[in-house]
Amino acid sequence: MPSQTSEQTTQSAALRGKQIQSLIRKLKQKIQKIEREGEVTPRDCHIIPYQVNRNQKLYYYYKLQSAEPIFPMATDSHKKTKYKYERKSRK
């Protein structure tokens, strides 16, 4: 198996560098697109889906959960909680 020359190694590294830069650009564009489309979940939050069946209807609930209290409470907006509830119903 022939060994690569120093020039081939340099060209190979340069090509990989260009490929990485291209991927970084694409990822940044995807991030910007996601942010333009709407609200993004805060860092270190988890989305927990669950469903409830009531009156012949299936309700899907989504709970955002964070490690620290960051969401305003429903009953007192001056206080913070770790949870935020969202609901989307389906028939």
N, C-alpha and C. Protein backbone atom coordinates (compact mmCIF):
# COMPACT_ATOMS: atom_id res chain seq x y z
N MET A 1 0.84 -1.17 0.00
CA MET A 1 0.00 0.00 0.00
C MET A 1 0.88 1.23 0.00
N PRO A 2 0.69 2.12 -0.97
CA PRO A 2 1.56 3.29 -1.05
C PRO A 2 1.24 4.30 0.05
N SER A 3 2.26 4.94 0.57
CA SER A 3 2.06 5.94 1.62
C SER A 3 1.78 7.29 0.98
N GLN A 4 1.00 8.10 1.71
CA GLN A 4 0.68 9.42 1.20
C GLN A 4 1.87 10.35 1.35
N THR A 5 2.04 11.21 0.37
CA THR A 5 3.10 12.20 0.48
C THR A 5 2.60 13.34 1.35
N SER A 6 3.50 14.20 1.73
CA SER A 6 3.15 15.35 2.56
C SER A 6 2.14 16.24 1.85
N GLU A 7 2.30 16.39 0.55
CA GLU A 7 1.39 17.23 -0.23
C GLU A 7 -0.02 16.63 -0.27
N GLN A 8 -0.12 15.30 -0.42
CA GLN A 8 -1.42 14.65 -0.44
C GLN A 8 -2.11 14.78 0.92
N THR A 9 -1.33 14.65 1.97
CA THR A 9 -1.88 14.78 3.32
C THR A 9 -2.41 16.19 3.55
N THR A 10 -1.68 17.19 3.10
CA THR A 10 -2.10 18.59 3.23
C THR A 10 -3.37 18.84 2.44
N GLN A 11 -3.44 18.31 1.22
CA GLN A 11 -4.64 18.49 0.39
C GLN A 11 -5.84 17.80 1.02
N SER A 12 -5.62 16.61 1.56
CA SER A 12 -6.68 15.86 2.21
C SER A 12 -7.21 16.61 3.42
N ALA A 13 -6.32 17.16 4.21
CA ALA A 13 -6.72 17.93 5.39
C ALA A 13 -7.46 19.19 4.98
N ALA A 14 -7.02 19.85 3.92
CA ALA A 14 -7.68 21.06 3.44
C ALA A 14 -9.10 20.73 2.95
N LEU A 15 -9.25 19.60 2.26
CA LEU A 15 -10.56 19.19 1.79
C LEU A 15 -11.50 18.90 2.96
N ARG A 16 -11.02 18.19 3.96
CA ARG A 16 -11.82 17.91 5.14
C ARG A 16 -12.21 19.21 5.86
N GLY A 17 -11.29 20.16 5.92
CA GLY A 17 -11.57 21.45 6.54
C GLY A 17 -12.69 22.18 5.80
N LYS A 18 -12.66 22.16 4.48
CA LYS A 18 -13.72 22.80 3.68
C LYS A 18 -15.06 22.10 3.90
N GLN A 19 -15.03 20.76 3.98
CA GLN A 19 -16.26 20.02 4.21
C GLN A 19 -16.85 20.35 5.58
N ILE A 20 -16.01 20.47 6.57
CA ILE A 20 -16.47 20.81 7.92
C ILE A 20 -17.06 22.22 7.94
N GLN A 21 -16.39 23.17 7.27
CA GLN A 21 -16.91 24.54 7.21
C GLN A 21 -18.27 24.58 6.51
N SER A 22 -18.43 23.79 5.48
CA SER A 22 -19.69 23.72 4.76
C SER A 22 -20.80 23.17 5.66
N LEU A 23 -20.49 22.12 6.40
CA LEU A 23 -21.47 21.54 7.33
C LEU A 23 -21.85 22.53 8.44
N ILE A 24 -20.89 23.27 8.94
CA ILE A 24 -21.16 24.26 9.97
C ILE A 24 -22.10 25.33 9.42
N ARG A 25 -21.85 25.80 8.19
CA ARG A 25 -22.74 26.79 7.57
C ARG A 25 -24.16 26.26 7.45
N LYS A 26 -24.29 25.01 7.00
CA LYS A 26 -25.62 24.40 6.84
C LYS A 26 -26.33 24.28 8.17
N LEU A 27 -25.62 23.88 9.21
CA LEU A 27 -26.22 23.75 10.54
C LEU A 27 -26.67 25.11 11.08
N LYS A 28 -25.87 26.15 10.86
CA LYS A 28 -26.26 27.49 11.30
C LYS A 28 -27.51 27.96 10.58
N GLN A 29 -27.63 27.64 9.29
CA GLN A 29 -28.82 28.00 8.52
C GLN A 29 -30.05 27.26 9.06
N LYS A 30 -29.88 25.99 9.40
CA LYS A 30 -31.00 25.22 9.95
C LYS A 30 -31.44 25.79 11.29
N ILE A 31 -30.49 26.17 12.13
CA ILE A 31 -30.80 26.76 13.44
C ILE A 31 -31.58 28.06 13.24
N GLN A 32 -31.14 28.91 12.32
CA GLN A 32 -31.83 30.18 12.06
C GLN A 32 -33.25 29.93 11.56
N LYS A 33 -33.43 28.93 10.71
CA LYS A 33 -34.76 28.60 10.18
C LYS A 33 -35.68 28.17 11.31
N ILE A 34 -35.19 27.31 12.18
CA ILE A 34 -35.98 26.85 13.32
C ILE A 34 -36.38 28.03 14.21
N GLU A 35 -35.45 28.92 14.48
CA GLU A 35 -35.73 30.07 15.34
C GLU A 35 -36.73 31.02 14.69
N ARG A 36 -36.71 31.15 13.36
CA ARG A 36 -37.67 32.02 12.65
C ARG A 36 -39.08 31.43 12.68
N GLU A 37 -39.18 30.12 12.74
CA GLU A 37 -40.48 29.45 12.67
C GLU A 37 -41.31 29.59 13.94
N GLY A 38 -40.72 29.92 15.04
CA GLY A 38 -41.51 30.08 16.25
C GLY A 38 -40.69 29.94 17.50
N GLU A 39 -41.42 29.79 18.59
CA GLU A 39 -40.81 29.71 19.91
C GLU A 39 -40.00 28.42 20.05
N VAL A 40 -38.84 28.54 20.62
CA VAL A 40 -37.94 27.41 20.81
C VAL A 40 -37.90 27.09 22.31
N THR A 41 -37.89 25.82 22.63
CA THR A 41 -37.82 25.38 24.02
C THR A 41 -36.51 25.89 24.65
N PRO A 42 -36.58 26.44 25.85
CA PRO A 42 -35.35 26.91 26.51
C PRO A 42 -34.35 25.77 26.72
N ARG A 43 -33.10 26.13 26.84
CA ARG A 43 -32.05 25.13 27.09
C ARG A 43 -32.34 24.35 28.36
N ASP A 44 -31.87 23.13 28.36
CA ASP A 44 -31.99 22.23 29.51
C ASP A 44 -33.44 21.96 29.91
N CYS A 45 -34.37 22.03 28.95
CA CYS A 45 -35.76 21.68 29.20
C CYS A 45 -36.09 20.41 28.44
N HIS A 46 -37.01 19.67 28.99
CA HIS A 46 -37.46 18.43 28.36
C HIS A 46 -38.94 18.55 28.07
N ILE A 47 -39.36 18.01 26.93
CA ILE A 47 -40.77 17.97 26.58
C ILE A 47 -41.27 16.57 26.94
N ILE A 48 -42.28 16.52 27.77
CA ILE A 48 -42.81 15.24 28.22
C ILE A 48 -44.24 15.12 27.69
N PRO A 49 -44.47 14.25 26.69
CA PRO A 49 -45.82 14.09 26.17
C PRO A 49 -46.59 13.02 26.94
N TYR A 50 -47.89 13.21 27.07
CA TYR A 50 -48.75 12.18 27.63
C TYR A 50 -50.16 12.41 27.12
N GLN A 51 -51.03 11.43 27.26
CA GLN A 51 -52.38 11.54 26.74
C GLN A 51 -53.42 11.13 27.78
N VAL A 52 -54.60 11.75 27.67
CA VAL A 52 -55.70 11.48 28.56
C VAL A 52 -56.95 11.28 27.71
N ASN A 53 -57.76 10.29 28.06
CA ASN A 53 -59.00 10.02 27.34
C ASN A 53 -60.16 10.50 28.21
N ARG A 54 -60.89 11.53 27.74
CA ARG A 54 -62.02 12.09 28.48
C ARG A 54 -63.20 12.29 27.53
N ASN A 55 -64.34 11.84 27.93
CA ASN A 55 -65.58 12.06 27.17
C ASN A 55 -65.43 11.70 25.69
N GLN A 56 -64.91 10.53 25.44
CA GLN A 56 -64.74 10.03 24.07
C GLN A 56 -63.75 10.84 23.24
N LYS A 57 -62.96 11.68 23.87
CA LYS A 57 -61.95 12.47 23.17
C LYS A 57 -60.58 12.14 23.74
N LEU A 58 -59.62 12.14 22.87
CA LEU A 58 -58.24 11.89 23.28
C LEU A 58 -57.52 13.23 23.34
N TYR A 59 -56.98 13.56 24.48
CA TYR A 59 -56.27 14.81 24.67
C TYR A 59 -54.78 14.52 24.83
N TYR A 60 -54.00 15.25 24.07
CA TYR A 60 -52.54 15.14 24.17
C TYR A 60 -52.04 16.32 24.97
N TYR A 61 -51.31 16.04 26.00
CA TYR A 61 -50.72 17.08 26.83
C TYR A 61 -49.21 17.07 26.64
N TYR A 62 -48.64 18.25 26.71
CA TYR A 62 -47.19 18.38 26.63
C TYR A 62 -46.75 19.22 27.81
N LYS A 63 -45.82 18.70 28.56
CA LYS A 63 -45.31 19.40 29.73
C LYS A 63 -43.84 19.73 29.48
N LEU A 64 -43.50 21.00 29.58
CA LEU A 64 -42.10 21.40 29.56
C LEU A 64 -41.59 21.33 30.97
N GLN A 65 -40.45 20.71 31.15
CA GLN A 65 -39.88 20.58 32.48
C GLN A 65 -38.43 21.02 32.45
N SER A 66 -38.07 21.88 33.40
CA SER A 66 -36.69 22.36 33.51
C SER A 66 -36.11 21.96 34.86
N ALA A 67 -34.81 22.03 34.95
CA ALA A 67 -34.14 21.68 36.21
C ALA A 67 -34.35 22.77 37.26
N GLU A 68 -34.46 24.02 36.81
CA GLU A 68 -34.65 25.15 37.71
C GLU A 68 -35.99 25.83 37.41
N PRO A 69 -36.60 26.49 38.38
CA PRO A 69 -37.85 27.21 38.12
C PRO A 69 -37.61 28.40 37.19
N ILE A 70 -38.15 28.33 35.95
CA ILE A 70 -37.96 29.41 34.99
C ILE A 70 -39.27 29.90 34.38
N PHE A 71 -40.35 29.13 34.51
CA PHE A 71 -41.63 29.48 33.89
C PHE A 71 -42.50 30.24 34.88
N PRO A 72 -43.23 31.27 34.42
CA PRO A 72 -44.14 31.97 35.34
C PRO A 72 -45.28 31.04 35.76
N MET A 73 -45.67 31.11 37.02
CA MET A 73 -46.76 30.28 37.52
C MET A 73 -48.09 30.79 36.97
N ALA A 74 -49.03 29.89 36.75
CA ALA A 74 -50.34 30.26 36.22
C ALA A 74 -51.12 31.10 37.23
N THR A 75 -50.95 30.82 38.50
CA THR A 75 -51.71 31.51 39.54
C THR A 75 -51.05 32.81 40.01
N ASP A 76 -49.73 32.90 39.90
CA ASP A 76 -49.00 34.09 40.35
C ASP A 76 -47.81 34.30 39.41
N SER A 77 -47.94 35.23 38.48
CA SER A 77 -46.91 35.43 37.45
C SER A 77 -45.58 35.95 38.02
N HIS A 78 -45.58 36.38 39.27
CA HIS A 78 -44.33 36.84 39.88
C HIS A 78 -43.48 35.69 40.39
N LYS A 79 -44.11 34.55 40.59
CA LYS A 79 -43.39 33.36 41.05
C LYS A 79 -43.04 32.49 39.86
N LYS A 80 -42.02 31.66 40.01
CA LYS A 80 -41.56 30.78 38.94
C LYS A 80 -41.76 29.32 39.32
N THR A 81 -41.92 28.49 38.28
CA THR A 81 -42.08 27.05 38.47
C THR A 81 -41.20 26.30 37.47
N LYS A 82 -40.99 25.03 37.70
CA LYS A 82 -40.19 24.19 36.80
C LYS A 82 -41.01 23.65 35.64
N TYR A 83 -42.34 23.82 35.68
CA TYR A 83 -43.21 23.17 34.70
C TYR A 83 -44.05 24.18 33.93
N LYS A 84 -44.27 23.85 32.67
CA LYS A 84 -45.19 24.62 31.84
C LYS A 84 -46.02 23.61 31.07
N TYR A 85 -47.33 23.74 31.14
CA TYR A 85 -48.23 22.77 30.52
C TYR A 85 -48.81 23.34 29.24
N GLU A 86 -48.86 22.51 28.22
CA GLU A 86 -49.50 22.85 26.95
C GLU A 86 -50.46 21.73 26.62
N ARG A 87 -51.55 22.05 25.95
CA ARG A 87 -52.50 21.00 25.59
C ARG A 87 -52.94 21.17 24.15
N LYS A 88 -53.04 20.06 23.46
CA LYS A 88 -53.55 20.06 22.10
C LYS A 88 -54.53 18.90 22.01
N SER A 89 -55.79 19.16 21.68
CA SER A 89 -56.78 18.07 21.65
C SER A 89 -56.93 17.53 20.25
N ARG A 90 -57.26 16.25 20.18
CA ARG A 90 -57.53 15.57 18.93
C ARG A 90 -58.77 14.72 19.12
N LYS A 91 -59.52 14.52 18.07
CA LYS A 91 -60.70 13.66 18.14
C LYS A 91 -60.33 12.24 17.75
